[in-house]
N, C-alpha and C. Protein backbone atom coordinates (compact mmCIF):
# COMPACT_ATOMS: atom_id res chain seq x y z
N MET A 1 -16.80 -23.54 20.17
CA MET A 1 -17.54 -22.28 19.91
C MET A 1 -17.72 -22.10 18.40
N PRO A 2 -18.96 -21.94 17.89
CA PRO A 2 -19.19 -21.85 16.46
C PRO A 2 -18.65 -20.56 15.86
N SER A 3 -18.42 -20.60 14.55
CA SER A 3 -17.92 -19.44 13.83
C SER A 3 -18.94 -19.06 12.77
N ILE A 4 -18.99 -17.77 12.44
CA ILE A 4 -19.87 -17.28 11.38
C ILE A 4 -19.51 -17.95 10.05
N TYR A 5 -18.25 -18.40 9.93
CA TYR A 5 -17.79 -19.04 8.70
C TYR A 5 -18.66 -20.24 8.34
N GLN A 6 -19.28 -20.87 9.34
CA GLN A 6 -20.10 -22.05 9.10
C GLN A 6 -21.37 -21.72 8.31
N LEU A 7 -21.71 -20.42 8.21
CA LEU A 7 -22.87 -20.01 7.43
C LEU A 7 -22.55 -19.84 5.94
N LYS A 8 -21.28 -20.04 5.58
CA LYS A 8 -20.82 -19.75 4.23
C LYS A 8 -21.58 -20.52 3.14
N PRO A 9 -21.86 -21.83 3.29
CA PRO A 9 -22.57 -22.55 2.22
C PRO A 9 -23.92 -21.93 1.86
N ALA A 10 -24.70 -21.54 2.87
CA ALA A 10 -26.00 -20.92 2.61
C ALA A 10 -25.82 -19.57 1.91
N PHE A 11 -24.81 -18.82 2.32
CA PHE A 11 -24.52 -17.52 1.71
C PHE A 11 -24.15 -17.71 0.24
N GLN A 12 -23.36 -18.73 -0.06
CA GLN A 12 -22.95 -19.00 -1.44
C GLN A 12 -24.15 -19.35 -2.32
N ASN A 13 -25.09 -20.09 -1.78
CA ASN A 13 -26.27 -20.46 -2.56
C ASN A 13 -27.07 -19.23 -2.98
N LEU A 14 -27.13 -18.24 -2.10
CA LEU A 14 -27.82 -17.00 -2.43
C LEU A 14 -27.11 -16.24 -3.55
N LEU A 15 -25.78 -16.35 -3.58
CA LEU A 15 -24.99 -15.59 -4.54
C LEU A 15 -24.82 -16.29 -5.89
N ARG A 16 -25.17 -17.56 -5.98
CA ARG A 16 -24.89 -18.34 -7.19
C ARG A 16 -25.46 -17.71 -8.47
N PRO A 17 -26.69 -17.20 -8.49
CA PRO A 17 -27.18 -16.57 -9.73
C PRO A 17 -26.31 -15.38 -10.16
N LEU A 18 -25.87 -14.58 -9.19
CA LEU A 18 -25.00 -13.43 -9.51
C LEU A 18 -23.67 -13.91 -10.06
N VAL A 19 -23.12 -14.97 -9.48
CA VAL A 19 -21.83 -15.51 -9.94
C VAL A 19 -21.94 -15.96 -11.39
N LYS A 20 -23.02 -16.63 -11.73
CA LYS A 20 -23.22 -17.09 -13.11
C LYS A 20 -23.32 -15.91 -14.06
N TRP A 21 -23.98 -14.84 -13.60
CA TRP A 21 -24.09 -13.65 -14.45
C TRP A 21 -22.73 -13.00 -14.66
N LEU A 22 -21.93 -12.90 -13.59
CA LEU A 22 -20.58 -12.31 -13.71
C LEU A 22 -19.72 -13.12 -14.67
N TYR A 23 -19.83 -14.43 -14.60
CA TYR A 23 -19.06 -15.29 -15.50
C TYR A 23 -19.48 -15.05 -16.94
N SER A 24 -20.77 -14.86 -17.15
CA SER A 24 -21.25 -14.61 -18.52
C SER A 24 -20.73 -13.29 -19.06
N LYS A 25 -20.36 -12.36 -18.15
CA LYS A 25 -19.80 -11.07 -18.55
C LYS A 25 -18.27 -11.08 -18.57
N LYS A 26 -17.71 -12.29 -18.44
CA LYS A 26 -16.25 -12.50 -18.49
C LYS A 26 -15.50 -11.82 -17.34
N ILE A 27 -16.15 -11.70 -16.21
CA ILE A 27 -15.49 -11.21 -14.99
C ILE A 27 -14.75 -12.37 -14.36
N THR A 28 -13.48 -12.16 -14.01
CA THR A 28 -12.67 -13.24 -13.45
C THR A 28 -12.57 -13.15 -11.93
N ALA A 29 -12.21 -14.27 -11.31
CA ALA A 29 -12.05 -14.32 -9.86
C ALA A 29 -10.99 -13.35 -9.39
N ASN A 30 -9.87 -13.27 -10.12
CA ASN A 30 -8.78 -12.38 -9.71
C ASN A 30 -9.20 -10.91 -9.77
N GLN A 31 -10.03 -10.55 -10.73
CA GLN A 31 -10.52 -9.18 -10.83
C GLN A 31 -11.39 -8.83 -9.62
N VAL A 32 -12.23 -9.76 -9.20
CA VAL A 32 -13.08 -9.53 -8.03
C VAL A 32 -12.22 -9.39 -6.78
N THR A 33 -11.20 -10.25 -6.65
CA THR A 33 -10.30 -10.21 -5.49
C THR A 33 -9.59 -8.87 -5.39
N LEU A 34 -9.04 -8.40 -6.50
CA LEU A 34 -8.30 -7.14 -6.50
C LEU A 34 -9.22 -5.94 -6.26
N LEU A 35 -10.41 -5.97 -6.84
CA LEU A 35 -11.35 -4.87 -6.64
C LEU A 35 -11.74 -4.75 -5.17
N ALA A 36 -11.99 -5.89 -4.52
CA ALA A 36 -12.34 -5.87 -3.10
C ALA A 36 -11.21 -5.28 -2.26
N MET A 37 -9.97 -5.60 -2.61
CA MET A 37 -8.83 -5.06 -1.86
C MET A 37 -8.71 -3.55 -2.04
N PHE A 38 -8.83 -3.07 -3.29
CA PHE A 38 -8.71 -1.63 -3.55
C PHE A 38 -9.80 -0.83 -2.84
N ILE A 39 -11.03 -1.36 -2.85
CA ILE A 39 -12.12 -0.67 -2.15
C ILE A 39 -11.86 -0.66 -0.65
N SER A 40 -11.37 -1.78 -0.11
CA SER A 40 -11.10 -1.88 1.33
C SER A 40 -10.05 -0.87 1.76
N VAL A 41 -8.95 -0.80 1.01
CA VAL A 41 -7.88 0.13 1.36
C VAL A 41 -8.35 1.57 1.21
N GLY A 42 -9.12 1.86 0.16
CA GLY A 42 -9.64 3.21 -0.04
C GLY A 42 -10.59 3.63 1.07
N LEU A 43 -11.48 2.72 1.47
CA LEU A 43 -12.41 3.04 2.55
C LEU A 43 -11.66 3.23 3.86
N ALA A 44 -10.68 2.37 4.13
CA ALA A 44 -9.89 2.49 5.36
C ALA A 44 -9.19 3.84 5.43
N PHE A 45 -8.60 4.26 4.32
CA PHE A 45 -7.91 5.57 4.28
C PHE A 45 -8.90 6.70 4.54
N ALA A 46 -10.09 6.60 3.92
CA ALA A 46 -11.09 7.65 4.08
C ALA A 46 -11.58 7.73 5.53
N LEU A 47 -11.84 6.58 6.15
CA LEU A 47 -12.33 6.57 7.53
C LEU A 47 -11.26 7.05 8.51
N TYR A 48 -10.02 6.68 8.26
CA TYR A 48 -8.93 7.13 9.13
C TYR A 48 -8.80 8.66 9.12
N ASN A 49 -9.10 9.26 7.97
CA ASN A 49 -8.90 10.70 7.81
C ASN A 49 -10.19 11.51 7.93
N LEU A 50 -11.24 10.93 8.51
CA LEU A 50 -12.49 11.67 8.65
C LEU A 50 -12.29 12.98 9.40
N HIS A 51 -11.48 12.93 10.48
CA HIS A 51 -11.29 14.14 11.29
C HIS A 51 -10.49 15.20 10.54
N VAL A 52 -9.59 14.74 9.63
CA VAL A 52 -8.77 15.68 8.86
C VAL A 52 -9.65 16.49 7.91
N TYR A 53 -10.60 15.80 7.26
CA TYR A 53 -11.47 16.46 6.30
C TYR A 53 -12.77 16.96 6.93
N GLN A 54 -12.82 16.86 8.27
CA GLN A 54 -13.98 17.35 9.03
C GLN A 54 -15.30 16.76 8.52
N GLN A 55 -15.27 15.46 8.29
CA GLN A 55 -16.45 14.73 7.85
C GLN A 55 -17.15 14.11 9.06
N PRO A 56 -18.46 13.92 9.01
CA PRO A 56 -19.18 13.35 10.16
C PRO A 56 -18.80 11.91 10.41
N PHE A 57 -18.66 11.56 11.68
CA PHE A 57 -18.24 10.21 12.05
C PHE A 57 -19.34 9.18 11.80
N ILE A 58 -20.54 9.66 11.47
CA ILE A 58 -21.61 8.73 11.12
C ILE A 58 -21.23 7.92 9.88
N LEU A 59 -20.25 8.42 9.12
CA LEU A 59 -19.77 7.70 7.95
C LEU A 59 -19.11 6.37 8.32
N PHE A 60 -18.78 6.19 9.60
CA PHE A 60 -18.25 4.90 10.04
C PHE A 60 -19.28 3.77 9.84
N LEU A 61 -20.55 4.14 9.64
CA LEU A 61 -21.55 3.12 9.34
C LEU A 61 -21.29 2.46 7.98
N LEU A 62 -20.45 3.09 7.15
CA LEU A 62 -20.05 2.46 5.89
C LEU A 62 -19.23 1.21 6.15
N PHE A 63 -18.58 1.16 7.30
CA PHE A 63 -17.71 0.02 7.62
C PHE A 63 -18.51 -1.29 7.68
N PRO A 64 -19.56 -1.40 8.52
CA PRO A 64 -20.30 -2.66 8.54
C PRO A 64 -20.98 -2.99 7.22
N VAL A 65 -21.42 -1.94 6.50
CA VAL A 65 -22.03 -2.18 5.19
C VAL A 65 -21.02 -2.80 4.24
N TRP A 66 -19.81 -2.23 4.22
CA TRP A 66 -18.78 -2.76 3.33
C TRP A 66 -18.34 -4.16 3.76
N MET A 67 -18.27 -4.42 5.06
CA MET A 67 -17.86 -5.74 5.52
C MET A 67 -18.82 -6.82 5.02
N LEU A 68 -20.10 -6.49 4.99
CA LEU A 68 -21.09 -7.44 4.47
C LEU A 68 -20.91 -7.62 2.96
N VAL A 69 -20.72 -6.51 2.26
CA VAL A 69 -20.53 -6.58 0.81
C VAL A 69 -19.23 -7.32 0.49
N ARG A 70 -18.19 -7.04 1.27
CA ARG A 70 -16.90 -7.68 1.04
C ARG A 70 -16.98 -9.19 1.26
N MET A 71 -17.81 -9.61 2.23
CA MET A 71 -18.02 -11.03 2.45
C MET A 71 -18.58 -11.67 1.17
N ALA A 72 -19.47 -10.93 0.50
CA ALA A 72 -20.02 -11.41 -0.76
C ALA A 72 -18.93 -11.47 -1.83
N PHE A 73 -18.08 -10.45 -1.88
CA PHE A 73 -16.96 -10.44 -2.83
C PHE A 73 -16.09 -11.68 -2.62
N ASN A 74 -15.77 -11.98 -1.36
CA ASN A 74 -14.91 -13.12 -1.06
C ASN A 74 -15.54 -14.44 -1.48
N ALA A 75 -16.86 -14.54 -1.27
CA ALA A 75 -17.55 -15.76 -1.69
C ALA A 75 -17.59 -15.86 -3.21
N ILE A 76 -17.81 -14.73 -3.87
CA ILE A 76 -17.93 -14.71 -5.33
C ILE A 76 -16.62 -15.11 -6.00
N ASP A 77 -15.49 -14.54 -5.53
CA ASP A 77 -14.22 -14.88 -6.19
C ASP A 77 -13.89 -16.37 -6.02
N GLY A 78 -14.22 -16.92 -4.87
CA GLY A 78 -13.98 -18.35 -4.65
C GLY A 78 -14.86 -19.22 -5.53
N MET A 79 -16.12 -18.84 -5.69
CA MET A 79 -17.05 -19.62 -6.52
C MET A 79 -16.67 -19.52 -8.00
N LEU A 80 -16.26 -18.33 -8.44
CA LEU A 80 -15.80 -18.19 -9.82
C LEU A 80 -14.59 -19.08 -10.08
N ALA A 81 -13.68 -19.12 -9.12
CA ALA A 81 -12.47 -19.92 -9.29
C ALA A 81 -12.78 -21.41 -9.32
N ARG A 82 -13.59 -21.87 -8.36
CA ARG A 82 -13.84 -23.32 -8.25
C ARG A 82 -14.83 -23.84 -9.29
N GLU A 83 -15.88 -23.10 -9.51
CA GLU A 83 -16.98 -23.61 -10.32
C GLU A 83 -16.85 -23.29 -11.81
N PHE A 84 -15.95 -22.37 -12.15
CA PHE A 84 -15.80 -21.99 -13.55
C PHE A 84 -14.34 -22.11 -14.01
N ASN A 85 -13.62 -23.00 -13.37
CA ASN A 85 -12.26 -23.37 -13.80
C ASN A 85 -11.33 -22.15 -13.93
N GLN A 86 -11.37 -21.27 -12.92
CA GLN A 86 -10.50 -20.10 -12.92
C GLN A 86 -9.41 -20.18 -11.85
N GLN A 87 -9.23 -21.36 -11.28
CA GLN A 87 -8.20 -21.51 -10.26
C GLN A 87 -6.81 -21.39 -10.88
N SER A 88 -5.93 -20.70 -10.19
CA SER A 88 -4.57 -20.51 -10.70
C SER A 88 -3.62 -20.29 -9.52
N LYS A 89 -2.34 -20.44 -9.78
CA LYS A 89 -1.34 -20.20 -8.74
C LYS A 89 -1.34 -18.74 -8.32
N LEU A 90 -1.47 -17.84 -9.30
CA LEU A 90 -1.55 -16.41 -8.98
C LEU A 90 -2.78 -16.12 -8.14
N GLY A 91 -3.89 -16.74 -8.50
CA GLY A 91 -5.12 -16.55 -7.75
C GLY A 91 -5.01 -16.97 -6.31
N ALA A 92 -4.28 -18.07 -6.07
CA ALA A 92 -4.08 -18.55 -4.70
C ALA A 92 -3.33 -17.51 -3.87
N TYR A 93 -2.29 -16.91 -4.46
CA TYR A 93 -1.54 -15.87 -3.77
C TYR A 93 -2.42 -14.63 -3.52
N LEU A 94 -3.12 -14.21 -4.56
CA LEU A 94 -3.96 -13.01 -4.43
C LEU A 94 -5.04 -13.20 -3.38
N ASN A 95 -5.63 -14.38 -3.34
CA ASN A 95 -6.71 -14.65 -2.40
C ASN A 95 -6.26 -14.46 -0.96
N GLU A 96 -5.08 -14.97 -0.63
CA GLU A 96 -4.57 -14.85 0.74
C GLU A 96 -4.01 -13.46 1.03
N LEU A 97 -3.17 -12.95 0.12
CA LEU A 97 -2.49 -11.67 0.37
C LEU A 97 -3.46 -10.50 0.37
N CYS A 98 -4.40 -10.48 -0.57
CA CYS A 98 -5.36 -9.37 -0.64
C CYS A 98 -6.24 -9.34 0.60
N ASP A 99 -6.61 -10.51 1.11
CA ASP A 99 -7.42 -10.55 2.33
C ASP A 99 -6.66 -9.96 3.52
N VAL A 100 -5.39 -10.34 3.66
CA VAL A 100 -4.60 -9.83 4.78
C VAL A 100 -4.40 -8.32 4.66
N ILE A 101 -4.11 -7.85 3.45
CA ILE A 101 -3.93 -6.41 3.23
C ILE A 101 -5.23 -5.66 3.55
N SER A 102 -6.34 -6.18 3.05
CA SER A 102 -7.64 -5.53 3.27
C SER A 102 -8.00 -5.50 4.75
N ASP A 103 -7.87 -6.65 5.43
CA ASP A 103 -8.20 -6.72 6.85
C ASP A 103 -7.34 -5.76 7.65
N SER A 104 -6.04 -5.78 7.41
CA SER A 104 -5.13 -4.94 8.18
C SER A 104 -5.47 -3.46 7.99
N ALA A 105 -5.71 -3.05 6.75
CA ALA A 105 -6.04 -1.66 6.47
C ALA A 105 -7.34 -1.26 7.17
N LEU A 106 -8.37 -2.11 7.06
CA LEU A 106 -9.67 -1.79 7.65
C LEU A 106 -9.61 -1.73 9.17
N TYR A 107 -8.81 -2.60 9.79
CA TYR A 107 -8.68 -2.56 11.25
C TYR A 107 -7.90 -1.32 11.68
N LEU A 108 -6.83 -1.03 10.96
CA LEU A 108 -5.95 0.07 11.36
C LEU A 108 -6.60 1.44 11.18
N CYS A 109 -7.68 1.52 10.42
CA CYS A 109 -8.33 2.84 10.26
C CYS A 109 -8.88 3.34 11.59
N PHE A 110 -9.06 2.43 12.56
CA PHE A 110 -9.57 2.85 13.87
C PHE A 110 -8.51 3.59 14.68
N LEU A 111 -7.27 3.61 14.20
CA LEU A 111 -6.24 4.39 14.88
C LEU A 111 -6.56 5.88 14.83
N GLY A 112 -7.42 6.28 13.93
CA GLY A 112 -7.82 7.68 13.84
C GLY A 112 -8.75 8.12 14.95
N LEU A 113 -9.17 7.17 15.80
CA LEU A 113 -10.08 7.48 16.90
C LEU A 113 -9.30 7.61 18.20
N ALA A 114 -9.45 8.73 18.87
CA ALA A 114 -8.65 9.02 20.07
C ALA A 114 -8.92 8.04 21.20
N PHE A 115 -10.13 7.48 21.26
CA PHE A 115 -10.47 6.60 22.39
C PHE A 115 -10.06 5.14 22.18
N ILE A 116 -9.47 4.82 21.02
CA ILE A 116 -8.99 3.47 20.75
C ILE A 116 -7.56 3.33 21.26
N GLN A 117 -7.29 2.25 21.99
CA GLN A 117 -5.96 1.99 22.54
C GLN A 117 -5.07 1.42 21.43
N PRO A 118 -4.04 2.18 20.98
CA PRO A 118 -3.23 1.72 19.84
C PRO A 118 -2.57 0.36 20.07
N PHE A 119 -2.10 0.10 21.30
CA PHE A 119 -1.44 -1.19 21.55
C PHE A 119 -2.40 -2.34 21.34
N LEU A 120 -3.61 -2.21 21.87
CA LEU A 120 -4.61 -3.28 21.73
C LEU A 120 -4.95 -3.51 20.26
N LEU A 121 -5.15 -2.42 19.52
CA LEU A 121 -5.48 -2.55 18.11
C LEU A 121 -4.33 -3.18 17.34
N GLY A 122 -3.10 -2.75 17.63
CA GLY A 122 -1.93 -3.34 16.98
C GLY A 122 -1.80 -4.82 17.29
N LEU A 123 -2.10 -5.20 18.54
CA LEU A 123 -2.04 -6.61 18.93
C LEU A 123 -3.07 -7.43 18.16
N VAL A 124 -4.27 -6.89 18.01
CA VAL A 124 -5.31 -7.59 17.26
C VAL A 124 -4.90 -7.78 15.80
N VAL A 125 -4.35 -6.74 15.19
CA VAL A 125 -3.92 -6.84 13.79
C VAL A 125 -2.83 -7.90 13.65
N PHE A 126 -1.87 -7.90 14.58
CA PHE A 126 -0.80 -8.90 14.55
C PHE A 126 -1.35 -10.31 14.70
N LEU A 127 -2.25 -10.51 15.66
CA LEU A 127 -2.82 -11.84 15.90
C LEU A 127 -3.70 -12.28 14.73
N ALA A 128 -4.39 -11.33 14.11
CA ALA A 128 -5.23 -11.67 12.95
C ALA A 128 -4.36 -12.18 11.80
N ILE A 129 -3.25 -11.48 11.55
CA ILE A 129 -2.32 -11.92 10.51
C ILE A 129 -1.76 -13.29 10.86
N LEU A 130 -1.39 -13.48 12.13
CA LEU A 130 -0.82 -14.75 12.58
C LEU A 130 -1.84 -15.89 12.44
N SER A 131 -3.11 -15.60 12.72
CA SER A 131 -4.14 -16.63 12.61
C SER A 131 -4.31 -17.07 11.16
N GLU A 132 -4.26 -16.11 10.23
CA GLU A 132 -4.37 -16.47 8.82
C GLU A 132 -3.14 -17.23 8.35
N TYR A 133 -1.98 -16.84 8.84
CA TYR A 133 -0.74 -17.56 8.49
C TYR A 133 -0.80 -18.99 9.01
N THR A 134 -1.34 -19.15 10.22
CA THR A 134 -1.49 -20.48 10.79
C THR A 134 -2.41 -21.33 9.91
N GLY A 135 -3.46 -20.71 9.39
CA GLY A 135 -4.38 -21.44 8.51
C GLY A 135 -3.72 -21.92 7.24
N VAL A 136 -2.89 -21.06 6.61
CA VAL A 136 -2.25 -21.45 5.34
C VAL A 136 -1.05 -22.36 5.55
N MET A 137 -0.62 -22.51 6.79
CA MET A 137 0.49 -23.44 7.09
C MET A 137 0.05 -24.90 7.01
N ALA A 138 -1.24 -25.17 7.22
CA ALA A 138 -1.74 -26.54 7.27
C ALA A 138 -1.37 -27.37 6.04
N PRO A 139 -1.49 -26.81 4.81
CA PRO A 139 -1.11 -27.63 3.64
C PRO A 139 0.34 -28.08 3.64
N LEU A 140 1.21 -27.37 4.38
CA LEU A 140 2.61 -27.76 4.43
C LEU A 140 2.82 -29.08 5.17
N ILE A 141 1.82 -29.45 6.00
CA ILE A 141 1.92 -30.75 6.69
C ILE A 141 0.85 -31.72 6.16
N GLY A 142 0.41 -31.43 4.93
CA GLY A 142 -0.49 -32.36 4.26
C GLY A 142 -1.96 -32.23 4.61
N GLN A 143 -2.36 -31.12 5.23
CA GLN A 143 -3.76 -30.92 5.60
C GLN A 143 -4.38 -29.81 4.75
N GLU A 144 -5.70 -29.69 4.81
CA GLU A 144 -6.38 -28.61 4.10
C GLU A 144 -6.19 -27.29 4.85
N ARG A 145 -6.35 -26.20 4.12
CA ARG A 145 -6.29 -24.87 4.72
C ARG A 145 -7.30 -24.80 5.86
N ARG A 146 -6.86 -24.31 7.02
CA ARG A 146 -7.72 -24.30 8.21
C ARG A 146 -8.49 -22.98 8.33
N TYR A 147 -9.78 -23.10 8.68
CA TYR A 147 -10.63 -21.93 8.89
C TYR A 147 -11.29 -21.96 10.27
N ASP A 148 -10.72 -22.69 11.20
CA ASP A 148 -11.32 -22.86 12.52
C ASP A 148 -11.52 -21.51 13.22
N GLY A 149 -12.56 -21.45 14.04
CA GLY A 149 -12.86 -20.28 14.86
C GLY A 149 -12.21 -20.42 16.23
N PRO A 150 -12.64 -19.63 17.17
CA PRO A 150 -13.88 -18.85 17.16
C PRO A 150 -13.76 -17.43 16.59
N MET A 151 -12.56 -17.02 16.12
CA MET A 151 -12.41 -15.65 15.65
C MET A 151 -11.79 -15.67 14.25
N GLY A 152 -12.55 -16.24 13.32
CA GLY A 152 -12.13 -16.23 11.93
C GLY A 152 -12.39 -14.89 11.28
N LYS A 153 -12.16 -14.82 9.98
CA LYS A 153 -12.29 -13.55 9.26
C LYS A 153 -13.71 -12.98 9.34
N SER A 154 -14.72 -13.83 9.17
CA SER A 154 -16.11 -13.37 9.23
C SER A 154 -16.48 -12.89 10.62
N ASP A 155 -15.95 -13.58 11.63
CA ASP A 155 -16.23 -13.19 13.02
C ASP A 155 -15.60 -11.83 13.33
N ARG A 156 -14.38 -11.62 12.85
CA ARG A 156 -13.71 -10.33 13.05
C ARG A 156 -14.49 -9.21 12.37
N ALA A 157 -15.03 -9.51 11.19
CA ALA A 157 -15.83 -8.50 10.47
C ALA A 157 -17.03 -8.08 11.31
N PHE A 158 -17.66 -9.05 11.98
CA PHE A 158 -18.83 -8.75 12.81
C PHE A 158 -18.44 -7.88 14.00
N TRP A 159 -17.40 -8.26 14.72
CA TRP A 159 -17.03 -7.53 15.94
C TRP A 159 -16.47 -6.14 15.64
N PHE A 160 -15.70 -6.02 14.56
CA PHE A 160 -15.20 -4.69 14.19
C PHE A 160 -16.34 -3.81 13.68
N SER A 161 -17.35 -4.43 13.11
CA SER A 161 -18.52 -3.64 12.70
C SER A 161 -19.22 -3.05 13.91
N LEU A 162 -19.27 -3.80 15.01
CA LEU A 162 -19.85 -3.26 16.25
C LEU A 162 -19.06 -2.05 16.74
N ILE A 163 -17.73 -2.17 16.68
CA ILE A 163 -16.88 -1.04 17.09
C ILE A 163 -17.13 0.15 16.17
N ALA A 164 -17.28 -0.11 14.87
CA ALA A 164 -17.54 0.98 13.92
C ALA A 164 -18.87 1.67 14.21
N ILE A 165 -19.88 0.90 14.60
CA ILE A 165 -21.17 1.50 14.94
C ILE A 165 -21.02 2.41 16.16
N CYS A 166 -20.25 1.94 17.15
CA CYS A 166 -19.97 2.80 18.32
C CYS A 166 -19.24 4.07 17.89
N ALA A 167 -18.26 3.91 16.99
CA ALA A 167 -17.48 5.05 16.53
C ALA A 167 -18.35 6.06 15.78
N SER A 168 -19.34 5.56 15.05
CA SER A 168 -20.18 6.45 14.25
C SER A 168 -20.98 7.41 15.13
N PHE A 169 -21.26 6.99 16.35
CA PHE A 169 -22.01 7.84 17.28
C PHE A 169 -21.10 8.50 18.32
N SER A 170 -19.79 8.36 18.15
CA SER A 170 -18.85 8.85 19.16
C SER A 170 -18.97 10.35 19.44
N PRO A 171 -19.16 11.22 18.44
CA PRO A 171 -19.27 12.66 18.78
C PRO A 171 -20.43 12.94 19.73
N TYR A 172 -21.54 12.24 19.56
CA TYR A 172 -22.71 12.47 20.41
C TYR A 172 -22.48 11.91 21.81
N LEU A 173 -21.79 10.76 21.87
CA LEU A 173 -21.50 10.16 23.17
C LEU A 173 -20.50 11.01 23.95
N ILE A 174 -19.48 11.51 23.24
CA ILE A 174 -18.47 12.35 23.89
C ILE A 174 -19.09 13.65 24.37
N GLU A 175 -19.99 14.20 23.55
CA GLU A 175 -20.67 15.45 23.89
C GLU A 175 -21.48 15.31 25.18
N ASN A 176 -21.97 14.10 25.43
CA ASN A 176 -22.78 13.86 26.63
C ASN A 176 -21.98 13.18 27.74
N ASN A 177 -20.65 13.36 27.67
CA ASN A 177 -19.74 12.87 28.72
C ASN A 177 -19.73 11.35 28.88
N TYR A 178 -19.83 10.65 27.76
CA TYR A 178 -19.75 9.19 27.79
C TYR A 178 -18.45 8.68 27.18
N LEU A 179 -17.43 9.53 27.13
CA LEU A 179 -16.17 9.15 26.50
C LEU A 179 -15.55 7.93 27.19
N ASN A 180 -15.52 7.93 28.53
CA ASN A 180 -14.93 6.80 29.25
C ASN A 180 -15.67 5.50 28.97
N SER A 181 -16.99 5.57 28.95
CA SER A 181 -17.79 4.38 28.67
C SER A 181 -17.52 3.87 27.26
N LEU A 182 -17.42 4.81 26.32
CA LEU A 182 -17.15 4.45 24.93
C LEU A 182 -15.79 3.78 24.81
N ALA A 183 -14.79 4.33 25.50
CA ALA A 183 -13.44 3.75 25.46
C ALA A 183 -13.43 2.35 26.07
N TYR A 184 -14.12 2.18 27.20
CA TYR A 184 -14.18 0.87 27.85
C TYR A 184 -14.83 -0.18 26.94
N ILE A 185 -15.92 0.21 26.28
CA ILE A 185 -16.64 -0.73 25.42
C ILE A 185 -15.77 -1.14 24.23
N CYS A 186 -15.23 -0.16 23.52
CA CYS A 186 -14.47 -0.45 22.31
C CYS A 186 -13.17 -1.19 22.61
N ASN A 187 -12.44 -0.74 23.61
CA ASN A 187 -11.19 -1.41 23.96
C ASN A 187 -11.45 -2.77 24.60
N GLY A 188 -12.59 -2.88 25.31
CA GLY A 188 -12.96 -4.18 25.86
C GLY A 188 -13.23 -5.17 24.75
N LEU A 189 -13.91 -4.73 23.69
CA LEU A 189 -14.16 -5.60 22.54
C LEU A 189 -12.86 -6.02 21.88
N LEU A 190 -11.92 -5.07 21.77
CA LEU A 190 -10.61 -5.41 21.18
C LEU A 190 -9.89 -6.46 22.02
N ALA A 191 -9.98 -6.35 23.34
CA ALA A 191 -9.34 -7.32 24.22
C ALA A 191 -9.97 -8.71 24.03
N ILE A 192 -11.28 -8.75 23.91
CA ILE A 192 -11.98 -10.03 23.69
C ILE A 192 -11.57 -10.63 22.35
N ILE A 193 -11.50 -9.79 21.31
CA ILE A 193 -11.08 -10.26 20.00
C ILE A 193 -9.68 -10.86 20.07
N ALA A 194 -8.77 -10.18 20.78
CA ALA A 194 -7.40 -10.67 20.92
C ALA A 194 -7.36 -12.04 21.59
N ILE A 195 -8.12 -12.20 22.67
CA ILE A 195 -8.15 -13.48 23.38
C ILE A 195 -8.69 -14.59 22.48
N LEU A 196 -9.77 -14.29 21.76
CA LEU A 196 -10.37 -15.29 20.88
C LEU A 196 -9.48 -15.59 19.68
N LEU A 197 -8.67 -14.63 19.25
CA LEU A 197 -7.71 -14.88 18.18
C LEU A 197 -6.63 -15.86 18.64
N ILE A 198 -6.19 -15.71 19.88
CA ILE A 198 -5.20 -16.66 20.43
C ILE A 198 -5.80 -18.06 20.45
N LEU A 199 -7.06 -18.18 20.86
CA LEU A 199 -7.74 -19.48 20.87
C LEU A 199 -7.89 -20.01 19.44
N THR A 200 -8.15 -19.14 18.49
CA THR A 200 -8.27 -19.53 17.08
C THR A 200 -6.96 -20.11 16.56
N ILE A 201 -5.87 -19.43 16.87
CA ILE A 201 -4.55 -19.91 16.45
C ILE A 201 -4.28 -21.29 17.04
N TYR A 202 -4.60 -21.44 18.32
CA TYR A 202 -4.43 -22.74 18.99
C TYR A 202 -5.27 -23.83 18.31
N ASN A 203 -6.52 -23.51 18.03
CA ASN A 203 -7.42 -24.49 17.40
C ASN A 203 -6.92 -24.90 16.02
N ARG A 204 -6.42 -23.94 15.24
CA ARG A 204 -5.97 -24.25 13.89
C ARG A 204 -4.72 -25.14 13.92
N ILE A 205 -3.84 -24.87 14.86
CA ILE A 205 -2.65 -25.72 14.98
C ILE A 205 -3.04 -27.10 15.47
N LYS A 206 -3.84 -27.15 16.53
CA LYS A 206 -4.24 -28.43 17.13
C LYS A 206 -4.99 -29.31 16.13
N ASN A 207 -5.96 -28.71 15.45
CA ASN A 207 -6.77 -29.50 14.49
C ASN A 207 -5.97 -29.95 13.29
N SER A 208 -4.98 -29.16 12.88
CA SER A 208 -4.13 -29.56 11.76
C SER A 208 -3.27 -30.77 12.14
N ILE A 209 -2.74 -30.73 13.33
CA ILE A 209 -1.85 -31.81 13.80
C ILE A 209 -2.62 -33.09 14.05
N GLN A 210 -3.84 -32.98 14.57
CA GLN A 210 -4.60 -34.17 14.97
C GLN A 210 -5.23 -34.89 13.80
N LEU A 211 -5.42 -34.21 12.66
CA LEU A 211 -6.07 -34.87 11.52
C LEU A 211 -5.16 -35.89 10.88
């Protein structure tokens, strides 16, 4: 099953002029990595507390927008590191840890929605972390870092963006007595994500061992 990650080379080519401009302005890969994490955590906190501040749930549409922008951030920091000699041991740690922190925060912001099943969401967050850990384990047995799908980071961004779009219209759906349908759709998507994450973990282990 293909992964969105396979589109990364084409995406990087589109970003290359911007990367060269950032380098000319002395922006470093680590700065881009940290900025993406801070924005992710800030957005997650804001979305989780929408009901507290009585803000419209249509603001959940910021989630898919940010996921697309964050994908660009992730590509940019990697290109700055590889193509402009900014690779470092600290950068390697930041690249992995900031991604896990950002992903976990962005996924957990959905706990603020009453129709989301907390156990399912918690399971997805746990499996997502485990899948990334499985990927970084590969170098310990002499292989490259694994990015196998079918539920890699980019794929999770896509599916959680769908849930966010549903959430953005949740007040209108609930008002028209579609709460059960909304819960079935969103929790059903979480269940599918969990299953595909298990397959992803299996694929990363299997492919690492077989190479």
